[in-house]
N, C-alpha and C. Protein backbone atom coordinates (compact mmCIF):
# COMPACT_ATOMS: atom_id res chain seq x y z
N MET A 1 159.39 45.55 -15.51
CA MET A 1 159.27 46.87 -16.09
C MET A 1 159.66 46.85 -17.56
N LEU A 2 160.64 46.05 -17.91
CA LEU A 2 161.10 46.03 -19.29
C LEU A 2 160.47 44.91 -20.11
N SER A 3 159.54 44.15 -19.54
CA SER A 3 158.95 43.03 -20.27
C SER A 3 158.08 43.51 -21.43
N SER A 4 157.45 44.67 -21.31
CA SER A 4 156.66 45.23 -22.39
C SER A 4 156.69 46.75 -22.27
N PRO A 5 157.80 47.38 -22.69
CA PRO A 5 157.99 48.80 -22.42
C PRO A 5 157.21 49.74 -23.32
N GLY A 6 156.53 49.23 -24.34
CA GLY A 6 155.79 50.11 -25.22
C GLY A 6 154.61 49.38 -25.82
N ARG A 7 153.80 50.10 -26.57
CA ARG A 7 152.62 49.54 -27.23
C ARG A 7 152.70 49.84 -28.73
N CYS A 8 152.24 48.89 -29.51
CA CYS A 8 152.20 49.05 -30.97
C CYS A 8 151.10 50.04 -31.32
N SER A 9 151.39 50.96 -32.21
CA SER A 9 150.40 51.97 -32.61
C SER A 9 149.31 51.37 -33.48
N GLU A 10 149.55 50.24 -34.08
CA GLU A 10 148.58 49.60 -34.97
C GLU A 10 147.61 48.69 -34.21
N CYS A 11 148.16 47.76 -33.41
CA CYS A 11 147.31 46.74 -32.76
C CYS A 11 147.23 46.89 -31.25
N ASN A 12 147.98 47.81 -30.69
CA ASN A 12 148.05 48.04 -29.25
C ASN A 12 148.68 46.87 -28.48
N GLY A 13 149.35 45.98 -29.20
CA GLY A 13 150.06 44.89 -28.55
C GLY A 13 151.32 45.43 -27.90
N GLY A 14 151.83 44.69 -26.93
CA GLY A 14 153.04 45.12 -26.26
C GLY A 14 154.27 44.83 -27.09
N TYR A 15 155.32 45.60 -26.86
CA TYR A 15 156.61 45.32 -27.47
C TYR A 15 157.36 44.39 -26.53
N VAL A 16 157.93 43.32 -27.10
CA VAL A 16 158.63 42.33 -26.29
C VAL A 16 160.05 42.15 -26.81
N LEU A 17 160.89 41.71 -25.94
CA LEU A 17 162.29 41.44 -26.30
C LEU A 17 162.31 40.15 -27.12
N THR A 18 162.73 40.25 -28.39
CA THR A 18 162.73 39.08 -29.27
C THR A 18 164.13 38.53 -29.49
N SER A 19 165.12 39.30 -29.13
CA SER A 19 166.50 38.83 -29.17
C SER A 19 167.22 39.54 -28.03
N ALA A 20 168.49 39.36 -27.93
CA ALA A 20 169.23 40.01 -26.86
C ALA A 20 169.31 41.51 -27.05
N VAL A 21 169.00 42.00 -28.26
CA VAL A 21 169.25 43.41 -28.54
C VAL A 21 168.07 44.17 -29.13
N ARG A 22 166.88 43.54 -29.40
CA ARG A 22 165.80 44.26 -30.06
C ARG A 22 164.43 43.92 -29.47
N TYR A 23 163.54 44.92 -29.48
CA TYR A 23 162.14 44.76 -29.12
C TYR A 23 161.30 44.81 -30.38
N HIS A 24 160.27 43.93 -30.47
CA HIS A 24 159.33 43.91 -31.60
C HIS A 24 157.91 43.86 -31.05
N CYS A 25 156.93 44.17 -31.93
CA CYS A 25 155.52 44.03 -31.57
C CYS A 25 155.25 42.56 -31.30
N ALA A 26 154.68 42.24 -30.14
CA ALA A 26 154.41 40.85 -29.76
C ALA A 26 153.44 40.19 -30.73
N SER A 27 152.47 40.92 -31.21
CA SER A 27 151.51 40.36 -32.15
C SER A 27 152.18 40.04 -33.48
N HIS A 28 153.11 40.89 -33.91
CA HIS A 28 153.83 40.63 -35.16
C HIS A 28 154.67 39.36 -35.03
N VAL A 29 155.29 39.19 -33.89
CA VAL A 29 156.19 38.05 -33.68
C VAL A 29 155.42 36.77 -33.40
N ASN A 30 154.38 36.85 -32.57
CA ASN A 30 153.69 35.64 -32.09
C ASN A 30 152.26 35.50 -32.60
N GLY A 31 151.83 36.37 -33.52
CA GLY A 31 150.42 36.42 -33.90
C GLY A 31 149.94 35.38 -34.88
N GLY A 32 150.83 34.64 -35.48
CA GLY A 32 150.41 33.63 -36.44
C GLY A 32 149.69 34.25 -37.62
N ASP A 33 148.54 33.68 -38.01
CA ASP A 33 147.79 34.18 -39.16
C ASP A 33 147.22 35.58 -38.93
N ALA A 34 146.94 35.92 -37.68
CA ALA A 34 146.37 37.23 -37.36
C ALA A 34 147.46 38.21 -36.92
N ALA A 35 148.68 37.98 -37.37
CA ALA A 35 149.80 38.80 -36.92
C ALA A 35 149.65 40.25 -37.36
N CYS A 36 150.16 41.13 -36.53
CA CYS A 36 150.18 42.57 -36.83
C CYS A 36 151.15 42.81 -37.98
N GLU A 37 150.86 43.79 -38.80
CA GLU A 37 151.70 44.09 -39.96
C GLU A 37 152.92 44.95 -39.63
N VAL A 38 152.97 45.53 -38.44
CA VAL A 38 154.06 46.43 -38.07
C VAL A 38 155.34 45.64 -37.87
N LYS A 39 156.34 45.93 -38.66
CA LYS A 39 157.62 45.22 -38.58
C LYS A 39 158.67 46.00 -37.82
N LEU A 40 158.30 47.17 -37.34
CA LEU A 40 159.24 48.04 -36.64
C LEU A 40 159.83 47.34 -35.42
N SER A 41 161.14 47.47 -35.25
CA SER A 41 161.78 46.98 -34.04
C SER A 41 162.58 48.12 -33.44
N VAL A 42 162.81 48.03 -32.14
CA VAL A 42 163.51 49.10 -31.42
C VAL A 42 164.72 48.49 -30.72
N PRO A 43 165.88 49.13 -30.84
CA PRO A 43 167.05 48.61 -30.15
C PRO A 43 166.86 48.63 -28.63
N ARG A 44 167.31 47.58 -27.98
CA ARG A 44 167.17 47.44 -26.53
C ARG A 44 167.85 48.59 -25.80
N TYR A 45 169.03 48.97 -26.22
CA TYR A 45 169.75 50.03 -25.51
C TYR A 45 168.97 51.33 -25.52
N ARG A 46 168.21 51.62 -26.62
CA ARG A 46 167.40 52.85 -26.67
C ARG A 46 166.27 52.82 -25.65
N VAL A 47 165.59 51.69 -25.59
CA VAL A 47 164.48 51.56 -24.63
C VAL A 47 165.00 51.71 -23.21
N GLU A 48 166.07 51.02 -22.89
CA GLU A 48 166.63 51.07 -21.54
C GLU A 48 167.17 52.46 -21.22
N LYS A 49 167.73 53.13 -22.19
CA LYS A 49 168.23 54.50 -21.99
C LYS A 49 167.07 55.45 -21.69
N LEU A 50 165.96 55.31 -22.43
CA LEU A 50 164.78 56.15 -22.17
C LEU A 50 164.25 55.93 -20.75
N ILE A 51 164.19 54.68 -20.34
CA ILE A 51 163.68 54.38 -19.00
C ILE A 51 164.64 54.93 -17.94
N LEU A 52 165.92 54.76 -18.16
CA LEU A 52 166.91 55.28 -17.21
C LEU A 52 166.85 56.80 -17.14
N ASP A 53 166.74 57.46 -18.29
CA ASP A 53 166.61 58.92 -18.30
C ASP A 53 165.37 59.37 -17.54
N PHE A 54 164.26 58.65 -17.74
CA PHE A 54 163.03 58.97 -17.02
C PHE A 54 163.23 58.84 -15.51
N THR A 55 163.87 57.74 -15.09
CA THR A 55 164.06 57.55 -13.64
C THR A 55 164.98 58.60 -13.05
N GLU A 56 165.91 59.10 -13.83
CA GLU A 56 166.82 60.14 -13.32
C GLU A 56 166.18 61.51 -13.30
N ARG A 57 165.39 61.84 -14.32
CA ARG A 57 164.85 63.20 -14.46
C ARG A 57 163.47 63.39 -13.86
N GLU A 58 162.56 62.46 -14.16
CA GLU A 58 161.16 62.67 -13.81
C GLU A 58 160.71 61.92 -12.56
N LEU A 59 161.21 60.72 -12.36
CA LEU A 59 160.74 59.91 -11.25
C LEU A 59 160.94 60.56 -9.89
N PRO A 60 162.09 61.18 -9.60
CA PRO A 60 162.22 61.83 -8.29
C PRO A 60 161.16 62.90 -8.04
N ARG A 61 160.85 63.70 -9.07
CA ARG A 61 159.82 64.73 -8.94
C ARG A 61 158.45 64.10 -8.70
N ILE A 62 158.12 63.08 -9.45
CA ILE A 62 156.82 62.42 -9.32
C ILE A 62 156.67 61.80 -7.93
N LEU A 63 157.73 61.13 -7.47
CA LEU A 63 157.66 60.51 -6.14
C LEU A 63 157.57 61.54 -5.03
N THR A 64 158.28 62.65 -5.17
CA THR A 64 158.21 63.72 -4.18
C THR A 64 156.80 64.30 -4.11
N GLU A 65 156.18 64.54 -5.27
CA GLU A 65 154.82 65.07 -5.30
C GLU A 65 153.83 64.06 -4.71
N ALA A 66 153.99 62.78 -5.04
CA ALA A 66 153.08 61.76 -4.51
C ALA A 66 153.21 61.65 -3.00
N GLU A 67 154.44 61.69 -2.50
CA GLU A 67 154.67 61.61 -1.06
C GLU A 67 154.05 62.82 -0.36
N ALA A 68 154.17 64.01 -0.97
CA ALA A 68 153.58 65.21 -0.38
C ALA A 68 152.06 65.11 -0.34
N ARG A 69 151.44 64.61 -1.44
CA ARG A 69 149.99 64.45 -1.45
C ARG A 69 149.55 63.43 -0.41
N TYR A 70 150.31 62.35 -0.27
CA TYR A 70 149.98 61.32 0.72
C TYR A 70 150.03 61.89 2.14
N ASN A 71 151.05 62.67 2.41
CA ASN A 71 151.21 63.23 3.76
C ASN A 71 150.21 64.32 4.06
N GLU A 72 149.61 64.93 3.03
CA GLU A 72 148.60 65.97 3.24
C GLU A 72 147.26 65.38 3.67
N GLN A 73 147.02 64.10 3.35
CA GLN A 73 145.75 63.49 3.70
C GLN A 73 145.66 63.33 5.21
N PRO A 74 144.55 63.75 5.79
CA PRO A 74 144.42 63.63 7.24
C PRO A 74 144.27 62.16 7.65
N VAL A 75 144.84 61.84 8.77
CA VAL A 75 144.69 60.51 9.33
C VAL A 75 143.35 60.50 10.07
N ILE A 76 142.54 59.52 9.77
CA ILE A 76 141.22 59.45 10.39
C ILE A 76 141.39 58.94 11.82
N ALA A 77 140.80 59.69 12.75
CA ALA A 77 140.93 59.35 14.17
C ALA A 77 140.15 58.08 14.50
N ASP A 78 140.57 57.42 15.55
CA ASP A 78 139.88 56.23 16.04
C ASP A 78 138.77 56.69 16.98
N HIS A 79 137.53 56.53 16.54
CA HIS A 79 136.38 57.02 17.31
C HIS A 79 135.74 55.92 18.18
N ARG A 80 136.34 54.75 18.22
CA ARG A 80 135.72 53.65 18.98
C ARG A 80 135.52 53.97 20.45
N PRO A 81 136.47 54.61 21.14
CA PRO A 81 136.20 54.92 22.56
C PRO A 81 135.00 55.85 22.74
N ARG A 82 134.89 56.87 21.89
CA ARG A 82 133.77 57.80 22.00
C ARG A 82 132.46 57.11 21.64
N ILE A 83 132.48 56.21 20.67
CA ILE A 83 131.27 55.47 20.30
C ILE A 83 130.81 54.62 21.48
N ALA A 84 131.74 53.95 22.13
CA ALA A 84 131.39 53.12 23.30
C ALA A 84 130.79 53.99 24.41
N GLU A 85 131.39 55.16 24.64
CA GLU A 85 130.87 56.07 25.67
C GLU A 85 129.46 56.53 25.32
N LEU A 86 129.23 56.91 24.07
CA LEU A 86 127.89 57.36 23.66
C LEU A 86 126.87 56.24 23.79
N GLU A 87 127.25 55.03 23.45
CA GLU A 87 126.32 53.90 23.58
C GLU A 87 125.94 53.67 25.04
N ARG A 88 126.92 53.83 25.95
CA ARG A 88 126.61 53.71 27.40
C ARG A 88 125.65 54.82 27.83
N GLN A 89 125.94 56.06 27.38
CA GLN A 89 125.08 57.19 27.75
C GLN A 89 123.66 56.97 27.25
N ILE A 90 123.54 56.53 26.00
CA ILE A 90 122.21 56.31 25.43
C ILE A 90 121.46 55.23 26.23
N GLY A 91 122.19 54.17 26.59
CA GLY A 91 121.58 53.13 27.42
C GLY A 91 121.08 53.68 28.75
N ASN A 92 121.89 54.57 29.36
CA ASN A 92 121.48 55.18 30.63
C ASN A 92 120.26 56.08 30.44
N PHE A 93 120.22 56.85 29.34
CA PHE A 93 119.07 57.72 29.08
C PHE A 93 117.81 56.88 28.90
N VAL A 94 117.93 55.76 28.20
CA VAL A 94 116.78 54.88 27.98
C VAL A 94 116.29 54.31 29.33
N LYS A 95 117.22 53.94 30.21
CA LYS A 95 116.84 53.43 31.54
C LYS A 95 116.11 54.50 32.34
N VAL A 96 116.61 55.74 32.29
CA VAL A 96 115.97 56.84 33.02
C VAL A 96 114.56 57.07 32.51
N ILE A 97 114.42 57.08 31.19
CA ILE A 97 113.09 57.30 30.61
C ILE A 97 112.18 56.12 30.93
N GLY A 98 112.73 54.91 30.87
CA GLY A 98 111.95 53.69 31.19
C GLY A 98 111.51 53.65 32.65
N ALA A 99 112.27 54.29 33.53
CA ALA A 99 111.92 54.32 34.95
C ALA A 99 110.86 55.38 35.25
N GLY A 100 110.44 56.09 34.21
CA GLY A 100 109.39 57.09 34.40
C GLY A 100 109.92 58.45 34.77
N GLU A 101 111.21 58.66 34.67
CA GLU A 101 111.78 59.96 35.01
C GLU A 101 112.04 60.77 33.75
N TYR A 102 111.01 60.89 32.96
CA TYR A 102 111.14 61.61 31.70
C TYR A 102 111.19 63.10 31.93
N SER A 103 112.11 63.76 31.21
CA SER A 103 112.13 65.23 31.18
C SER A 103 112.60 65.64 29.79
N GLN A 104 112.32 66.86 29.46
CA GLN A 104 112.73 67.36 28.14
C GLN A 104 114.24 67.40 28.04
N ALA A 105 114.94 67.67 29.12
CA ALA A 105 116.41 67.72 29.11
C ALA A 105 116.99 66.34 28.79
N VAL A 106 116.40 65.28 29.37
CA VAL A 106 116.87 63.91 29.09
C VAL A 106 116.58 63.56 27.63
N ALA A 107 115.40 63.93 27.14
CA ALA A 107 115.04 63.65 25.74
C ALA A 107 116.00 64.37 24.79
N ASP A 108 116.32 65.63 25.09
CA ASP A 108 117.24 66.40 24.25
C ASP A 108 118.65 65.80 24.28
N ALA A 109 119.10 65.39 25.47
CA ALA A 109 120.43 64.79 25.60
C ALA A 109 120.48 63.47 24.83
N LEU A 110 119.40 62.69 24.89
CA LEU A 110 119.32 61.42 24.16
C LEU A 110 119.39 61.68 22.66
N LYS A 111 118.66 62.66 22.20
CA LYS A 111 118.64 62.99 20.76
C LYS A 111 120.02 63.44 20.31
N THR A 112 120.69 64.27 21.11
CA THR A 112 122.04 64.76 20.78
C THR A 112 123.04 63.62 20.73
N ALA A 113 122.96 62.74 21.71
CA ALA A 113 123.89 61.59 21.76
C ALA A 113 123.66 60.67 20.57
N GLU A 114 122.41 60.41 20.22
CA GLU A 114 122.11 59.55 19.07
C GLU A 114 122.60 60.16 17.76
N ALA A 115 122.47 61.47 17.62
CA ALA A 115 122.96 62.13 16.40
C ALA A 115 124.48 62.04 16.30
N GLU A 116 125.18 62.30 17.42
CA GLU A 116 126.64 62.21 17.40
C GLU A 116 127.09 60.78 17.12
N LEU A 117 126.41 59.81 17.71
CA LEU A 117 126.75 58.40 17.49
C LEU A 117 126.58 58.03 16.01
N ALA A 118 125.52 58.48 15.40
CA ALA A 118 125.29 58.17 13.98
C ALA A 118 126.41 58.75 13.11
N LYS A 119 126.82 59.99 13.40
CA LYS A 119 127.91 60.62 12.64
C LYS A 119 129.22 59.86 12.81
N LEU A 120 129.53 59.51 14.06
CA LEU A 120 130.79 58.80 14.32
C LEU A 120 130.81 57.42 13.67
N LYS A 121 129.67 56.72 13.69
CA LYS A 121 129.61 55.41 13.06
C LYS A 121 129.77 55.53 11.54
N ALA A 122 129.23 56.58 10.96
CA ALA A 122 129.39 56.78 9.51
C ALA A 122 130.85 57.05 9.16
N VAL A 123 131.52 57.85 9.97
CA VAL A 123 132.93 58.16 9.73
C VAL A 123 133.80 56.94 9.97
N THR A 124 133.45 56.15 10.98
CA THR A 124 134.25 54.99 11.35
C THR A 124 134.14 53.88 10.30
N SER A 125 133.09 53.89 9.50
CA SER A 125 132.96 52.86 8.47
C SER A 125 134.06 53.00 7.41
N VAL A 126 134.66 54.19 7.31
CA VAL A 126 135.82 54.39 6.44
C VAL A 126 137.04 53.94 7.24
N ARG A 127 137.82 53.03 6.67
CA ARG A 127 138.98 52.50 7.40
C ARG A 127 140.02 53.58 7.60
N PRO A 128 140.58 53.67 8.80
CA PRO A 128 141.63 54.66 9.03
C PRO A 128 142.88 54.33 8.23
N ARG A 129 143.55 55.37 7.77
CA ARG A 129 144.81 55.21 7.04
C ARG A 129 145.88 54.86 8.07
N PRO A 130 146.65 53.80 7.82
CA PRO A 130 147.69 53.45 8.80
C PRO A 130 148.75 54.54 8.87
N ALA A 131 149.38 54.63 10.01
CA ALA A 131 150.46 55.60 10.16
C ALA A 131 151.55 55.30 9.15
N HIS A 132 152.13 56.34 8.60
CA HIS A 132 153.13 56.19 7.55
C HIS A 132 154.47 56.69 8.05
N LYS A 133 155.47 55.85 7.93
CA LYS A 133 156.82 56.28 8.26
C LYS A 133 157.52 56.61 6.96
N ALA A 134 157.84 57.85 6.77
CA ALA A 134 158.53 58.27 5.56
C ALA A 134 159.96 57.76 5.59
N SER A 135 160.45 57.40 4.43
CA SER A 135 161.83 56.95 4.34
C SER A 135 162.75 58.11 4.64
N ARG A 136 163.80 57.84 5.36
CA ARG A 136 164.77 58.89 5.66
C ARG A 136 165.73 59.09 4.51
N GLU A 137 165.74 58.14 3.58
CA GLU A 137 166.65 58.24 2.44
C GLU A 137 166.01 59.14 1.39
N PRO A 138 166.71 60.17 0.92
CA PRO A 138 166.13 61.07 -0.09
C PRO A 138 165.82 60.32 -1.38
N ILE A 139 164.81 60.80 -2.09
CA ILE A 139 164.39 60.17 -3.33
C ILE A 139 165.54 60.13 -4.33
N GLU A 140 166.34 61.18 -4.39
CA GLU A 140 167.47 61.20 -5.34
C GLU A 140 168.43 60.05 -5.06
N ARG A 141 168.65 59.76 -3.78
CA ARG A 141 169.56 58.67 -3.44
C ARG A 141 168.93 57.33 -3.78
N ARG A 142 167.62 57.19 -3.55
CA ARG A 142 166.94 55.94 -3.91
C ARG A 142 167.03 55.70 -5.41
N SER A 143 166.85 56.77 -6.20
CA SER A 143 166.96 56.67 -7.65
C SER A 143 168.36 56.28 -8.05
N SER A 144 169.35 56.86 -7.42
CA SER A 144 170.75 56.55 -7.71
C SER A 144 171.05 55.09 -7.36
N THR A 145 170.51 54.61 -6.25
CA THR A 145 170.70 53.22 -5.86
C THR A 145 170.11 52.29 -6.91
N CYS A 146 168.94 52.64 -7.41
CA CYS A 146 168.29 51.84 -8.45
C CYS A 146 169.16 51.82 -9.70
N GLU A 147 169.65 52.98 -10.10
CA GLU A 147 170.49 53.07 -11.29
C GLU A 147 171.75 52.23 -11.13
N SER A 148 172.40 52.31 -9.98
CA SER A 148 173.64 51.56 -9.78
C SER A 148 173.38 50.06 -9.78
N SER A 149 172.21 49.62 -9.30
CA SER A 149 171.92 48.19 -9.33
C SER A 149 171.70 47.73 -10.77
N TRP A 150 171.13 48.59 -11.62
CA TRP A 150 170.98 48.24 -13.04
C TRP A 150 172.35 48.09 -13.68
N HIS A 151 173.28 48.98 -13.32
CA HIS A 151 174.62 48.91 -13.89
C HIS A 151 175.33 47.64 -13.45
N ARG A 152 175.11 47.22 -12.20
CA ARG A 152 175.75 45.99 -11.72
C ARG A 152 175.27 44.78 -12.51
N VAL A 153 173.97 44.79 -12.85
CA VAL A 153 173.42 43.69 -13.62
C VAL A 153 174.03 43.69 -15.02
N GLY A 154 174.38 44.85 -15.53
CA GLY A 154 175.06 44.95 -16.82
C GLY A 154 174.16 45.25 -17.99
N THR A 155 172.85 45.45 -17.76
CA THR A 155 171.94 45.65 -18.88
C THR A 155 172.09 47.01 -19.52
N LEU A 156 172.60 47.99 -18.78
CA LEU A 156 172.65 49.34 -19.32
C LEU A 156 174.06 49.82 -19.62
N ARG A 157 175.04 49.00 -19.47
CA ARG A 157 176.41 49.46 -19.68
C ARG A 157 176.60 50.01 -21.08
N ARG A 158 176.02 49.33 -22.07
CA ARG A 158 176.19 49.79 -23.46
C ARG A 158 175.48 51.11 -23.71
N ALA A 159 174.37 51.34 -22.99
CA ALA A 159 173.57 52.54 -23.24
C ALA A 159 174.15 53.78 -22.61
N CYS A 160 174.94 53.64 -21.54
CA CYS A 160 175.40 54.83 -20.80
C CYS A 160 176.74 55.33 -21.29
């Protein structure tokens, strides 16, 4: 996440950590003859503070909204048993008609079964969404856990 936390406004190159305490445009640092002219550097603690502030303020809201949208999507039912049943019925209708026992009712039932089978096969070609088990841990706690692990590593102690 912190390997390239921003983009240069001039060349669109990523900002990279060039020392223990500063980020610079990667093209400016590593570009050789075609190096970017932007000499701006950003203190590491500022970048990490911005990211930490984002995770505390915005990330819980974004994750909550994404989880709500995910849970609103209907789970596609497994239509394979009904498809198998319709295929058996259609086979039986074809046998009846082949045996010379044609009637309009059998023809109508065959047409109805074939139409339903076509619809179910079209829907089944879309893969069903797997069942989702929502985490029981609240998003705020997950964010706090993430923050505390950053503090243990020691990268943000100076920024906080």
